[in-house]
Every structure is written in C-alpha cells, then in structure tokens.
C-alpha cells in the first residue's frame, strides 16, 4: 500500500502543473472571446482561488513521495511530537 501511495504522489505532482496550465489556458481563451472587465474579474477570482489548490496538489504529492503518509496513526497515542522532528 505504501508503494501505491508513493506512485500516487507522482501523479499528484504531475497533476498540479497540468491544472495550472489548463486554468491559465482556459482563462486566456475565455478572456479573448469576451474581452470585458466582468470576464477579467471572474477569471482573476478563479485563478486566485484555484492556483493555491494546484500548489497544494504538488505539495501533497511531494509529501506522499517522501513517505510522510506511510504510517497514519489510528489512535492518539501513536501521534508524535512534530517539534522534536528535524525538517
């Protein structure tokens, strides 16, 4: 299962830039179709909201690839103190 999680991490890392590219490409084409302030504001909001989500895809994938999700605690006694772990 941990191997599947790591391969899924690669998929998430690839999906992030693809989502950003598709978002910017769609915004450009929609603004070109209907150049107006309302369209620019609408796509500006979309980009502002979804760009950090796509960055989160990349970070999630990096964490999965590094193995940070190999063991998920089931009870609170398995939780570790994150302040004592070196980054």
N, C-alpha and C. Protein backbone atom coordinates (compact mmCIF):
# COMPACT_ATOMS: atom_id res chain seq x y z
N UNK A 1 0.81 -1.19 0.00
CA UNK A 1 0.00 0.00 0.00
C UNK A 1 0.86 1.26 0.00
N UNK A 2 2.00 1.20 0.70
CA UNK A 2 2.88 2.37 0.73
C UNK A 2 3.46 2.66 -0.65
N UNK A 3 3.70 1.62 -1.43
CA UNK A 3 4.19 1.82 -2.80
C UNK A 3 3.14 2.53 -3.64
N UNK A 4 1.88 2.15 -3.47
CA UNK A 4 0.79 2.79 -4.20
C UNK A 4 0.70 4.26 -3.81
N UNK A 5 0.87 4.56 -2.53
CA UNK A 5 0.83 5.95 -2.07
C UNK A 5 1.95 6.77 -2.71
N UNK A 6 3.12 6.17 -2.85
CA UNK A 6 4.24 6.91 -3.46
C UNK A 6 4.02 7.13 -4.95
N UNK A 7 3.48 6.13 -5.65
CA UNK A 7 3.16 6.32 -7.06
C UNK A 7 2.04 7.36 -7.23
N UNK A 8 1.09 7.35 -6.32
CA UNK A 8 0.04 8.37 -6.37
C UNK A 8 0.63 9.75 -6.13
N UNK A 9 1.69 9.84 -5.33
CA UNK A 9 2.37 11.11 -5.12
C UNK A 9 2.94 11.66 -6.41
N UNK A 10 3.48 10.78 -7.24
CA UNK A 10 4.00 11.21 -8.54
C UNK A 10 2.86 11.75 -9.39
N UNK A 11 1.73 11.08 -9.34
CA UNK A 11 0.57 11.53 -10.11
C UNK A 11 0.12 12.91 -9.64
N UNK A 12 0.08 13.14 -8.33
CA UNK A 12 -0.33 14.44 -7.80
C UNK A 12 0.66 15.53 -8.20
N UNK A 13 1.95 15.20 -8.20
CA UNK A 13 2.97 16.18 -8.60
C UNK A 13 2.78 16.58 -10.06
N UNK A 14 2.45 15.63 -10.90
CA UNK A 14 2.22 15.91 -12.31
C UNK A 14 0.90 16.66 -12.51
N UNK A 15 -0.10 16.31 -11.73
CA UNK A 15 -1.42 16.91 -11.88
C UNK A 15 -1.43 18.40 -11.53
N UNK A 16 -0.60 18.83 -10.60
CA UNK A 16 -0.56 20.24 -10.20
C UNK A 16 -0.22 21.18 -11.33
N UNK A 17 0.93 21.00 -12.01
CA UNK A 17 1.26 21.89 -13.13
C UNK A 17 0.28 21.77 -14.30
N UNK A 18 -0.26 20.57 -14.53
CA UNK A 18 -1.25 20.41 -15.59
C UNK A 18 -2.49 21.24 -15.28
N UNK A 19 -2.92 21.22 -14.02
CA UNK A 19 -4.10 22.00 -13.62
C UNK A 19 -3.84 23.50 -13.78
N UNK A 20 -2.64 23.94 -13.39
CA UNK A 20 -2.30 25.37 -13.53
C UNK A 20 -2.27 25.76 -15.01
N UNK A 21 -1.66 24.93 -15.84
CA UNK A 21 -1.59 25.21 -17.27
C UNK A 21 -2.99 25.29 -17.88
N UNK A 22 -3.83 24.31 -17.57
CA UNK A 22 -5.18 24.28 -18.11
C UNK A 22 -5.99 25.49 -17.63
N UNK A 23 -5.82 25.86 -16.38
CA UNK A 23 -6.52 27.02 -15.83
C UNK A 23 -6.12 28.30 -16.55
N UNK A 24 -4.83 28.50 -16.72
CA UNK A 24 -4.36 29.72 -17.40
C UNK A 24 -4.74 29.72 -18.88
N UNK A 25 -4.67 28.57 -19.52
CA UNK A 25 -5.04 28.47 -20.93
C UNK A 25 -6.53 28.76 -21.11
N UNK A 26 -7.36 28.21 -20.27
CA UNK A 26 -8.80 28.45 -20.35
C UNK A 26 -9.12 29.90 -20.06
N UNK A 27 -8.48 30.47 -19.06
CA UNK A 27 -8.71 31.88 -18.74
C UNK A 27 -8.34 32.77 -19.92
N UNK A 28 -7.21 32.50 -20.54
CA UNK A 28 -6.79 33.30 -21.68
C UNK A 28 -7.76 33.22 -22.85
N UNK A 29 -8.22 32.01 -23.13
CA UNK A 29 -9.14 31.86 -24.25
C UNK A 29 -10.50 32.47 -23.96
N UNK A 30 -10.97 32.37 -22.73
CA UNK A 30 -12.27 32.95 -22.39
C UNK A 30 -12.21 34.48 -22.37
N UNK A 31 -11.11 35.02 -21.91
CA UNK A 31 -10.96 36.49 -21.92
C UNK A 31 -10.82 36.99 -23.35
N UNK A 32 -10.16 36.20 -24.21
CA UNK A 32 -10.04 36.60 -25.62
C UNK A 32 -11.39 36.56 -26.33
N UNK A 33 -12.25 35.60 -25.96
CA UNK A 33 -13.58 35.50 -26.58
C UNK A 33 -14.45 36.69 -26.22
N UNK A 34 -14.43 37.04 -24.96
CA UNK A 34 -15.30 38.11 -24.46
C UNK A 34 -14.47 39.07 -23.62
N UNK A 35 -13.76 39.98 -24.28
CA UNK A 35 -12.91 40.90 -23.51
C UNK A 35 -13.76 41.96 -22.82
N UNK A 36 -13.87 41.82 -21.56
CA UNK A 36 -14.62 42.79 -20.77
C UNK A 36 -14.15 42.71 -19.34
N UNK A 37 -14.44 43.75 -18.61
CA UNK A 37 -13.99 43.80 -17.22
C UNK A 37 -14.60 42.69 -16.39
N UNK A 38 -15.88 42.36 -16.65
CA UNK A 38 -16.53 41.31 -15.86
C UNK A 38 -15.87 39.95 -16.08
N UNK A 39 -15.47 39.65 -17.31
CA UNK A 39 -14.80 38.39 -17.60
C UNK A 39 -13.41 38.35 -16.96
N UNK A 40 -12.71 39.47 -17.01
CA UNK A 40 -11.38 39.53 -16.42
C UNK A 40 -11.44 39.36 -14.90
N UNK A 41 -12.42 39.98 -14.29
CA UNK A 41 -12.58 39.84 -12.83
C UNK A 41 -12.94 38.40 -12.48
N UNK A 42 -13.85 37.81 -13.24
CA UNK A 42 -14.28 36.44 -12.97
C UNK A 42 -13.10 35.47 -13.04
N UNK A 43 -12.31 35.56 -14.10
CA UNK A 43 -11.18 34.65 -14.24
C UNK A 43 -10.05 35.00 -13.28
N UNK A 44 -9.94 36.25 -12.92
CA UNK A 44 -8.98 36.63 -11.89
C UNK A 44 -9.29 35.97 -10.56
N UNK A 45 -10.57 35.92 -10.23
CA UNK A 45 -11.00 35.25 -9.00
C UNK A 45 -10.75 33.75 -9.09
N UNK A 46 -11.09 33.15 -10.24
CA UNK A 46 -10.86 31.72 -10.43
C UNK A 46 -9.38 31.38 -10.25
N UNK A 47 -8.52 32.16 -10.87
CA UNK A 47 -7.08 31.89 -10.77
C UNK A 47 -6.60 32.09 -9.33
N UNK A 48 -7.09 33.13 -8.68
CA UNK A 48 -6.69 33.40 -7.30
C UNK A 48 -7.09 32.26 -6.37
N UNK A 49 -8.24 31.66 -6.61
CA UNK A 49 -8.72 30.58 -5.74
C UNK A 49 -8.05 29.25 -6.08
N UNK A 50 -7.96 28.92 -7.35
CA UNK A 50 -7.52 27.58 -7.73
C UNK A 50 -6.01 27.43 -7.87
N UNK A 51 -5.27 28.50 -8.00
CA UNK A 51 -3.81 28.41 -8.08
C UNK A 51 -3.22 27.82 -6.79
N UNK A 52 -3.61 28.30 -5.61
CA UNK A 52 -3.08 27.67 -4.38
C UNK A 52 -3.52 26.21 -4.21
N UNK A 53 -4.69 25.87 -4.73
CA UNK A 53 -5.13 24.48 -4.66
C UNK A 53 -4.21 23.60 -5.50
N UNK A 54 -3.84 24.08 -6.69
CA UNK A 54 -2.93 23.32 -7.55
C UNK A 54 -1.55 23.20 -6.90
N UNK A 55 -1.10 24.25 -6.22
CA UNK A 55 0.17 24.18 -5.49
C UNK A 55 0.05 23.14 -4.37
N UNK A 56 -1.11 23.07 -3.75
CA UNK A 56 -1.35 22.05 -2.72
C UNK A 56 -1.27 20.64 -3.28
N UNK A 57 -1.74 20.44 -4.53
CA UNK A 57 -1.58 19.14 -5.17
C UNK A 57 -0.11 18.74 -5.23
N UNK A 58 0.72 19.70 -5.63
CA UNK A 58 2.15 19.42 -5.75
C UNK A 58 2.75 19.09 -4.39
N UNK A 59 2.42 19.88 -3.38
CA UNK A 59 2.95 19.61 -2.03
C UNK A 59 2.47 18.27 -1.49
N UNK A 60 1.20 17.97 -1.70
CA UNK A 60 0.65 16.69 -1.26
C UNK A 60 1.40 15.54 -1.93
N UNK A 61 1.67 15.68 -3.21
CA UNK A 61 2.42 14.66 -3.93
C UNK A 61 3.84 14.51 -3.42
N UNK A 62 4.49 15.65 -3.12
CA UNK A 62 5.85 15.58 -2.58
C UNK A 62 5.87 14.87 -1.23
N UNK A 63 4.92 15.17 -0.38
CA UNK A 63 4.86 14.51 0.92
C UNK A 63 4.60 13.01 0.77
N UNK A 64 3.73 12.65 -0.16
CA UNK A 64 3.46 11.23 -0.40
C UNK A 64 4.70 10.53 -0.95
N UNK A 65 5.40 11.20 -1.85
CA UNK A 65 6.60 10.62 -2.45
C UNK A 65 7.71 10.44 -1.42
N UNK A 66 7.80 11.37 -0.47
CA UNK A 66 8.81 11.27 0.59
C UNK A 66 8.47 10.19 1.62
N UNK A 67 7.23 9.73 1.64
CA UNK A 67 6.83 8.69 2.58
C UNK A 67 6.23 9.22 3.86
N UNK A 68 5.80 10.46 3.87
CA UNK A 68 5.20 11.02 5.09
C UNK A 68 3.85 10.42 5.42
N UNK A 69 3.24 9.74 4.46
CA UNK A 69 1.93 9.13 4.70
C UNK A 69 2.03 7.61 4.80
N UNK A 70 3.25 7.08 5.01
CA UNK A 70 3.40 5.64 5.11
C UNK A 70 2.70 5.07 6.33
N UNK A 71 2.77 5.77 7.43
CA UNK A 71 2.08 5.32 8.64
C UNK A 71 1.13 6.41 9.09
N UNK A 72 -0.13 6.11 9.06
CA UNK A 72 -1.15 7.04 9.52
C UNK A 72 -1.61 6.57 10.90
N UNK A 73 -1.47 7.41 11.93
CA UNK A 73 -1.85 6.99 13.28
C UNK A 73 -3.34 6.68 13.37
N UNK A 74 -3.65 5.63 14.11
CA UNK A 74 -5.04 5.24 14.30
C UNK A 74 -5.57 5.67 15.66
N UNK A 75 -4.68 5.79 16.62
CA UNK A 75 -5.08 6.26 17.95
C UNK A 75 -4.16 7.41 18.34
N UNK A 76 -4.60 8.23 19.26
CA UNK A 76 -3.84 9.42 19.62
C UNK A 76 -2.50 9.09 20.27
N UNK A 77 -2.34 7.91 20.86
CA UNK A 77 -1.06 7.57 21.48
C UNK A 77 0.04 7.35 20.43
N UNK A 78 -0.33 7.15 19.17
CA UNK A 78 0.66 6.97 18.10
C UNK A 78 1.14 8.29 17.51
N UNK A 79 0.54 9.39 17.91
CA UNK A 79 0.95 10.69 17.40
C UNK A 79 2.32 11.04 17.94
N UNK A 80 3.15 11.66 17.09
CA UNK A 80 4.49 12.05 17.51
C UNK A 80 4.52 13.55 17.72
N UNK A 81 5.53 13.97 18.44
CA UNK A 81 5.74 15.39 18.67
C UNK A 81 6.50 15.94 17.48
N UNK A 82 5.85 16.77 16.67
CA UNK A 82 6.45 17.26 15.44
C UNK A 82 7.54 18.29 15.71
N UNK A 83 7.55 18.90 16.89
CA UNK A 83 8.58 19.90 17.20
C UNK A 83 9.94 19.22 17.39
N UNK A 84 9.97 17.98 17.79
CA UNK A 84 11.24 17.32 18.03
C UNK A 84 11.82 16.68 16.77
N UNK A 85 11.00 16.61 15.69
CA UNK A 85 11.50 16.01 14.45
C UNK A 85 12.26 17.06 13.64
N UNK A 86 13.45 16.72 13.16
CA UNK A 86 14.16 17.68 12.30
C UNK A 86 13.50 17.73 10.92
N UNK A 87 13.53 18.89 10.31
CA UNK A 87 12.95 19.03 8.98
C UNK A 87 13.94 18.61 7.99
